[in-house]
Amino acid sequence: MDIISHGLWGSGVFGQKSHKLFWLAFFFGIMPDLFSFGILFFHRIMIRFGIVSGDMPVQSFRPEHASLPFYVNPLYDLTHSLIIFLIIFFIIWLIRKKPLWEIGAWGLHILIDIPSHSNAFFPTPFLWPISDFHVNGISWGNPIIYIPNLILLALLYGWFFYSKKKKNT
């Protein structure tokens, strides 16, 4: 799934109580991709503008695995693991003495990615570090996935704004 859709799904499901919690859920929805590919994106920008040195050519949207810096795969594994998500969710629960439900947007991100990533590009390692098992899903860029995603997001937010408007009248 694209990063903005992840944020919108996370906010739509876990961030409806307040404006602040909406953005917190949005952050957790995009966090897995932000901490792996976002770092790569900013690294490429810094190389492009000569802020740091490096030999990383600007490539298409889908770079070859061999051309990726060493940190992308381990960060992707870490941030796309349901095992890691659950450990952090329960640690935060123990510290706060109550669950932080908005972090559920991270878990939702992983659940959405499992069937919407294929073996061709970053299949979701949802059982890492216990297993490298993954599902060979249908790429989120395929219209059979992407178009229903947009329609469902429109319905979710349409319902949200309609019910909020109805509640305020």
Protein backbone atom coordinates (compact mmCIF):
# COMPACT_ATOMS: atom_id res chain seq x y z
CA MET A 1 0.00 0.00 0.00
CA ASP A 2 1.21 3.53 -0.60
CA ILE A 3 2.36 5.47 2.45
CA ILE A 4 -0.48 8.04 2.39
CA SER A 5 -3.13 5.31 2.24
CA HIS A 6 -1.49 3.65 5.24
CA GLY A 7 -1.72 6.90 7.17
CA LEU A 8 -5.35 7.44 6.18
CA TRP A 9 -6.34 3.87 7.10
CA GLY A 10 -4.57 4.18 10.43
CA SER A 11 -6.25 7.49 11.22
CA GLY A 12 -9.61 6.34 9.93
CA VAL A 13 -9.63 3.27 12.15
CA PHE A 14 -7.65 4.38 15.23
CA GLY A 15 -7.65 8.18 15.28
CA GLN A 16 -11.25 9.32 15.36
CA LYS A 17 -11.47 10.58 18.95
CA SER A 18 -9.62 13.86 18.47
CA HIS A 19 -7.53 15.88 16.04
CA LYS A 20 -4.36 15.07 18.01
CA LEU A 21 -5.09 11.34 18.05
CA PHE A 22 -5.90 11.45 14.32
CA TRP A 23 -2.37 12.68 13.58
CA LEU A 24 -0.81 10.27 16.06
CA ALA A 25 -2.55 7.35 14.34
CA PHE A 26 -1.56 8.79 10.95
CA PHE A 27 2.08 8.81 12.09
CA PHE A 28 1.92 5.21 13.28
CA GLY A 29 0.23 4.25 10.01
CA ILE A 30 3.12 5.60 7.92
CA MET A 31 5.90 4.84 10.41
CA PRO A 32 6.93 1.41 9.07
CA ASP A 33 7.59 2.83 5.59
CA LEU A 34 8.91 6.13 6.90
CA PHE A 35 11.59 4.41 8.99
CA SER A 36 12.79 2.22 6.12
CA PHE A 37 12.11 3.92 2.78
CA GLY A 38 11.81 7.45 4.18
CA ILE A 39 15.39 7.30 5.42
CA LEU A 40 16.45 6.04 1.99
CA PHE A 41 14.54 8.89 0.32
CA PHE A 42 16.22 11.56 2.47
CA HIS A 43 19.60 9.88 2.06
CA ARG A 44 19.20 10.11 -1.74
CA ILE A 45 18.20 13.77 -1.51
CA MET A 46 21.29 14.54 0.59
CA ILE A 47 23.51 12.76 -1.96
CA ARG A 48 21.79 14.53 -4.85
CA PHE A 49 22.42 17.96 -3.33
CA GLY A 50 25.95 17.14 -2.21
CA ILE A 51 25.19 17.32 1.51
CA VAL A 52 26.73 13.87 1.97
CA SER A 53 28.92 11.92 -0.39
CA GLY A 54 27.79 8.70 -1.91
CA ASP A 55 27.24 6.75 -5.06
CA MET A 56 23.53 6.11 -5.17
CA PRO A 57 22.00 6.87 -8.54
CA VAL A 58 18.46 8.22 -8.63
CA GLN A 59 16.37 5.33 -9.87
CA SER A 60 12.82 4.50 -10.65
CA PHE A 61 10.16 4.05 -7.99
CA ARG A 62 11.12 0.41 -7.63
CA PRO A 63 14.91 0.18 -7.16
CA GLU A 64 16.80 -3.09 -7.42
CA HIS A 65 17.48 -4.76 -4.07
CA ALA A 66 21.21 -4.90 -4.81
CA SER A 67 21.34 -1.10 -5.17
CA LEU A 68 19.77 -0.39 -1.78
CA PRO A 69 21.93 0.70 1.16
CA PHE A 70 22.61 -1.90 3.86
CA TYR A 71 20.14 -0.40 6.37
CA VAL A 72 16.94 -0.65 4.29
CA ASN A 73 16.30 -4.41 4.61
CA PRO A 74 16.86 -4.69 8.40
CA LEU A 75 14.72 -1.59 9.04
CA TYR A 76 12.00 -2.97 6.78
CA ASP A 77 12.07 -6.33 8.61
CA LEU A 78 11.94 -4.60 12.00
CA THR A 79 9.09 -2.22 11.15
CA HIS A 80 6.99 -4.77 9.21
CA SER A 81 6.98 -7.51 11.86
CA LEU A 82 3.81 -8.27 13.81
CA ILE A 83 6.05 -9.83 16.48
CA ILE A 84 7.96 -6.56 17.00
CA PHE A 85 4.74 -4.54 16.82
CA LEU A 86 3.10 -6.67 19.54
CA ILE A 87 6.16 -6.50 21.80
CA ILE A 88 6.26 -2.70 21.56
CA PHE A 89 2.48 -2.42 21.93
CA PHE A 90 2.57 -4.38 25.19
CA ILE A 91 5.67 -2.56 26.51
CA ILE A 92 3.90 0.77 25.97
CA TRP A 93 0.77 -0.67 27.64
CA LEU A 94 2.83 -1.73 30.67
CA ILE A 95 4.55 1.65 30.93
CA ARG A 96 1.34 3.69 30.50
CA LYS A 97 -0.83 1.22 32.44
CA LYS A 98 -3.34 1.49 29.59
CA PRO A 99 -3.15 0.68 25.87
CA LEU A 100 -2.22 3.31 23.31
CA TRP A 101 -4.77 2.25 20.71
CA GLU A 102 -3.46 4.66 18.06
CA ILE A 103 -0.32 2.53 17.75
CA GLY A 104 -2.69 -0.08 16.30
CA ALA A 105 -2.29 1.83 13.02
CA TRP A 106 1.18 0.27 12.85
CA GLY A 107 -0.29 -3.21 13.18
CA LEU A 108 -2.95 -2.37 10.59
CA HIS A 109 -0.18 -1.23 8.23
CA ILE A 110 1.44 -4.65 8.51
CA LEU A 111 -1.86 -6.50 8.05
CA ILE A 112 -2.63 -4.48 4.92
CA ASP A 113 0.86 -5.09 3.52
CA ILE A 114 0.74 -8.89 3.91
CA PRO A 115 -1.61 -9.50 0.95
CA SER A 116 -0.65 -6.35 -0.98
CA HIS A 117 3.07 -7.03 -1.45
CA SER A 118 4.41 -9.62 -3.85
CA ASN A 119 7.68 -11.50 -3.91
CA ALA A 120 8.82 -9.09 -6.63
CA PHE A 121 9.31 -6.18 -4.20
CA PHE A 122 9.58 -6.37 -0.43
CA PRO A 123 7.20 -9.11 0.65
CA THR A 124 6.07 -8.43 4.21
CA PRO A 125 8.19 -10.26 6.85
CA PHE A 126 5.32 -10.25 9.37
CA LEU A 127 6.76 -13.11 11.48
CA TRP A 128 10.31 -11.74 11.66
CA PRO A 129 12.53 -12.58 13.60
CA ILE A 130 10.90 -15.96 14.28
CA SER A 131 10.40 -16.87 10.63
CA ASP A 132 11.07 -15.44 7.19
CA PHE A 133 7.71 -16.75 5.95
CA HIS A 134 5.81 -14.27 3.82
CA VAL A 135 2.83 -14.20 1.48
CA ASN A 136 3.27 -13.69 -2.24
CA GLY A 137 0.42 -11.22 -2.56
CA ILE A 138 -0.78 -8.91 -5.31
CA SER A 139 1.19 -5.68 -5.57
CA TRP A 140 -0.65 -2.68 -4.11
CA GLY A 141 0.09 -0.79 -7.33
CA ASN A 142 -2.07 -3.21 -9.31
CA PRO A 143 -5.43 -1.58 -10.17
CA ILE A 144 -7.26 -4.59 -8.67
CA ILE A 145 -5.87 -3.50 -5.27
CA TYR A 146 -5.28 0.22 -5.69
CA ILE A 147 -8.68 1.27 -7.04
CA PRO A 148 -10.71 -0.57 -4.34
CA ASN A 149 -8.33 0.93 -1.76
CA LEU A 150 -9.18 4.45 -2.95
CA ILE A 151 -12.91 3.69 -3.06
CA LEU A 152 -12.90 2.20 0.44
CA LEU A 153 -10.91 5.14 1.82
CA ALA A 154 -13.40 7.55 0.23
CA LEU A 155 -16.29 5.61 1.79
CA LEU A 156 -14.59 5.52 5.20
CA TYR A 157 -13.92 9.25 5.26
CA GLY A 158 -17.27 10.07 3.68
CA TRP A 159 -18.97 8.15 6.48
CA PHE A 160 -16.74 9.80 9.08
CA PHE A 161 -17.46 13.36 7.88
CA TYR A 162 -21.17 12.62 7.39
CA SER A 163 -21.57 11.19 10.90
CA LYS A 164 -19.54 14.06 12.40
CA LYS A 165 -21.67 16.64 10.57
CA LYS A 166 -24.89 14.86 11.61
CA LYS A 167 -23.67 14.74 15.24
CA ASN A 168 -22.98 18.50 15.23
CA THR A 169 -26.44 19.45 13.91
